[in-house]
Amino acid sequence: MPTDLSPDEIARSHRWHAIECNNIAWTLSDLPARTAPQAEEMLNAAHASAFHWGKVGTELNRARAAMLLGHVYAALGLGQAALTYAQQSYDYLAAHEPPDWELAFAHAILAHAAFAAGEDERHQEYYARAQELGQAIADPEDKEIFFHTFNLIPSP
């Protein structure tokens, strides 16, 4: 398909769409309940974000996209897919010394995925670690954002 856009314009478009779709998916995932169309939009937006980051993002962008997919699949009760994506994200982040808020999120998403998959021991383990890491987040705004999402995850 021919295009008159430069490679830089195409890359900027991918980045813009990745960010926008990410924001849509996270916003919908923060709802305490979703309609079927909202759930579908949330899943589609998360996958679209991952697609666009796959075109122009760094490994970190792709790990964050996997985290979002893990979170979305867990919110939809699709535990095995949630665990796959959450583990991919966690594995990358744990190997790269992430900021305090991101490590807390990685544990929280693993806890949510384990809950959705019916893996009670893993749910309990990751939930407790996420809570501990969340309390240790230094920046008050980051801590507030983390706990907003964390409080939506079912407790053990």
Protein backbone atom coordinates (compact mmCIF):
# COMPACT_ATOMS: atom_id res chain seq x y z
CA MET A 1 0.00 0.00 0.00
CA PRO A 2 1.74 3.19 -1.14
CA THR A 3 1.86 6.14 1.20
CA ASP A 4 3.07 9.68 0.97
CA LEU A 5 4.07 9.75 4.63
CA SER A 6 7.73 9.81 5.57
CA PRO A 7 9.14 7.10 7.86
CA ASP A 8 9.33 9.70 10.66
CA GLU A 9 5.66 10.60 10.20
CA ILE A 10 4.70 6.92 10.26
CA ALA A 11 6.73 6.40 13.44
CA ARG A 12 5.10 9.44 15.09
CA SER A 13 1.69 8.06 14.12
CA HIS A 14 2.49 4.66 15.65
CA ARG A 15 3.70 6.34 18.85
CA TRP A 16 0.62 8.55 19.07
CA HIS A 17 -1.73 5.60 18.54
CA ALA A 18 0.20 3.47 21.05
CA ILE A 19 -0.18 6.13 23.74
CA GLU A 20 -3.82 6.88 22.96
CA CYS A 21 -4.83 3.22 22.92
CA ASN A 22 -2.88 2.62 26.13
CA ASN A 23 -4.75 5.46 27.84
CA ILE A 24 -8.13 4.21 26.62
CA ALA A 25 -7.44 0.68 27.87
CA TRP A 26 -6.18 1.82 31.30
CA THR A 27 -9.15 4.19 31.71
CA LEU A 28 -11.61 1.41 30.93
CA SER A 29 -9.72 -1.05 33.16
CA ASP A 30 -10.15 1.35 36.08
CA LEU A 31 -13.93 1.15 35.90
CA PRO A 32 -15.37 -0.98 38.71
CA ALA A 33 -17.76 -2.53 36.16
CA ARG A 34 -17.85 -2.46 32.36
CA THR A 35 -20.52 -3.04 29.77
CA ALA A 36 -19.82 -5.66 27.10
CA PRO A 37 -18.96 -2.94 24.53
CA GLN A 38 -16.59 -1.29 27.04
CA ALA A 39 -14.91 -4.64 27.73
CA GLU A 40 -14.42 -5.21 24.01
CA GLU A 41 -13.07 -1.69 23.53
CA MET A 42 -10.69 -2.18 26.48
CA LEU A 43 -9.30 -5.40 25.01
CA ASN A 44 -9.05 -3.99 21.49
CA ALA A 45 -7.33 -0.84 22.74
CA ALA A 46 -4.79 -2.85 24.76
CA HIS A 47 -3.95 -4.99 21.75
CA ALA A 48 -3.78 -1.94 19.48
CA SER A 49 -1.39 -0.26 21.89
CA ALA A 50 0.81 -3.37 21.94
CA PHE A 51 0.72 -3.51 18.15
CA HIS A 52 1.84 0.10 17.76
CA TRP A 53 4.54 -0.23 20.45
CA GLY A 54 5.71 -3.32 18.59
CA LYS A 55 6.36 -1.11 15.57
CA VAL A 56 8.21 1.78 17.25
CA GLY A 57 8.66 1.08 20.94
CA THR A 58 11.58 0.03 23.06
CA GLU A 59 11.74 -3.23 24.98
CA LEU A 60 10.43 -1.28 27.98
CA ASN A 61 7.43 -0.03 25.96
CA ARG A 62 6.69 -3.60 24.91
CA ALA A 63 7.01 -4.82 28.52
CA ARG A 64 4.57 -2.14 29.64
CA ALA A 65 2.19 -3.13 26.84
CA ALA A 66 2.39 -6.73 28.05
CA MET A 67 1.60 -5.50 31.58
CA LEU A 68 -1.47 -3.74 30.27
CA LEU A 69 -2.56 -6.86 28.39
CA GLY A 70 -2.10 -8.92 31.55
CA HIS A 71 -4.20 -6.45 33.49
CA VAL A 72 -6.95 -6.33 30.86
CA TYR A 73 -7.13 -10.10 30.45
CA ALA A 74 -7.29 -10.48 34.24
CA ALA A 75 -10.08 -7.89 34.44
CA LEU A 76 -11.97 -9.96 31.87
CA GLY A 77 -11.43 -13.16 33.87
CA LEU A 78 -9.18 -14.73 31.23
CA GLY A 79 -6.57 -16.01 33.63
CA GLN A 80 -4.18 -18.03 31.49
CA ALA A 81 -3.72 -15.26 28.93
CA ALA A 82 -3.42 -12.75 31.78
CA LEU A 83 -0.66 -14.82 33.41
CA THR A 84 1.26 -15.13 30.14
CA TYR A 85 1.34 -11.38 29.53
CA ALA A 86 1.88 -10.45 33.18
CA GLN A 87 4.81 -12.87 33.44
CA GLN A 88 6.39 -11.50 30.25
CA SER A 89 6.21 -8.00 31.65
CA TYR A 90 7.45 -9.00 35.08
CA ASP A 91 10.39 -10.97 33.68
CA TYR A 92 11.59 -7.99 31.67
CA LEU A 93 11.09 -5.47 34.47
CA ALA A 94 12.66 -7.63 37.18
CA ALA A 95 15.79 -7.95 35.05
CA HIS A 96 16.11 -4.18 34.50
CA GLU A 97 15.79 -2.48 37.91
CA PRO A 98 12.52 -0.64 37.34
CA PRO A 99 11.36 2.33 39.41
CA ASP A 100 9.57 1.51 42.65
CA TRP A 101 6.07 2.13 41.25
CA GLU A 102 6.64 -0.10 38.23
CA LEU A 103 7.87 -3.06 40.27
CA ALA A 104 4.81 -2.69 42.51
CA PHE A 105 2.56 -2.65 39.44
CA ALA A 106 4.26 -5.75 38.01
CA HIS A 107 3.48 -7.66 41.21
CA ALA A 108 -0.07 -6.31 41.32
CA ILE A 109 -0.79 -7.39 37.76
CA LEU A 110 0.66 -10.84 38.48
CA ALA A 111 -1.61 -11.03 41.53
CA HIS A 112 -4.62 -10.07 39.44
CA ALA A 113 -3.69 -12.59 36.74
CA ALA A 114 -3.19 -15.36 39.31
CA PHE A 115 -6.60 -14.55 40.80
CA ALA A 116 -8.22 -14.74 37.37
CA ALA A 117 -6.46 -18.06 36.72
CA GLY A 118 -7.61 -19.49 40.05
CA GLU A 119 -4.05 -19.83 41.36
CA ASP A 120 -4.70 -18.95 44.98
CA GLU A 121 -1.16 -19.34 46.35
CA ARG A 122 0.38 -17.18 43.62
CA HIS A 123 -2.42 -14.66 44.04
CA GLN A 124 -1.77 -14.39 47.75
CA GLU A 125 2.02 -14.21 47.31
CA TYR A 126 2.02 -11.53 44.60
CA TYR A 127 -0.79 -9.57 46.26
CA ALA A 128 1.15 -9.32 49.54
CA ARG A 129 4.34 -8.34 47.73
CA ALA A 130 2.51 -5.74 45.63
CA GLN A 131 0.95 -4.25 48.74
CA GLU A 132 4.36 -4.10 50.45
CA LEU A 133 6.02 -2.55 47.40
CA GLY A 134 3.12 -0.13 46.97
CA GLN A 135 3.53 1.16 50.51
CA ALA A 136 7.21 1.81 49.75
CA ILE A 137 6.58 3.95 46.63
CA ALA A 138 8.39 7.21 47.34
CA ASP A 139 6.44 9.66 45.17
CA PRO A 140 2.98 10.39 46.62
CA GLU A 141 1.39 10.80 43.17
CA ASP A 142 2.84 7.50 41.94
CA LYS A 143 1.64 5.83 45.14
CA GLU A 144 -1.87 7.21 44.66
CA ILE A 145 -2.01 5.99 41.05
CA PHE A 146 -0.74 2.56 42.09
CA PHE A 147 -3.28 2.13 44.89
CA HIS A 148 -6.12 3.32 42.67
CA THR A 149 -5.45 0.32 40.43
CA PHE A 150 -4.34 -2.04 43.21
CA ASN A 151 -7.59 -1.50 45.13
CA LEU A 152 -9.52 -2.88 42.15
CA ILE A 153 -7.71 -6.22 42.43
CA PRO A 154 -9.55 -8.78 44.55
CA SER A 155 -7.77 -9.43 47.83
CA PRO A 156 -6.94 -12.99 48.95
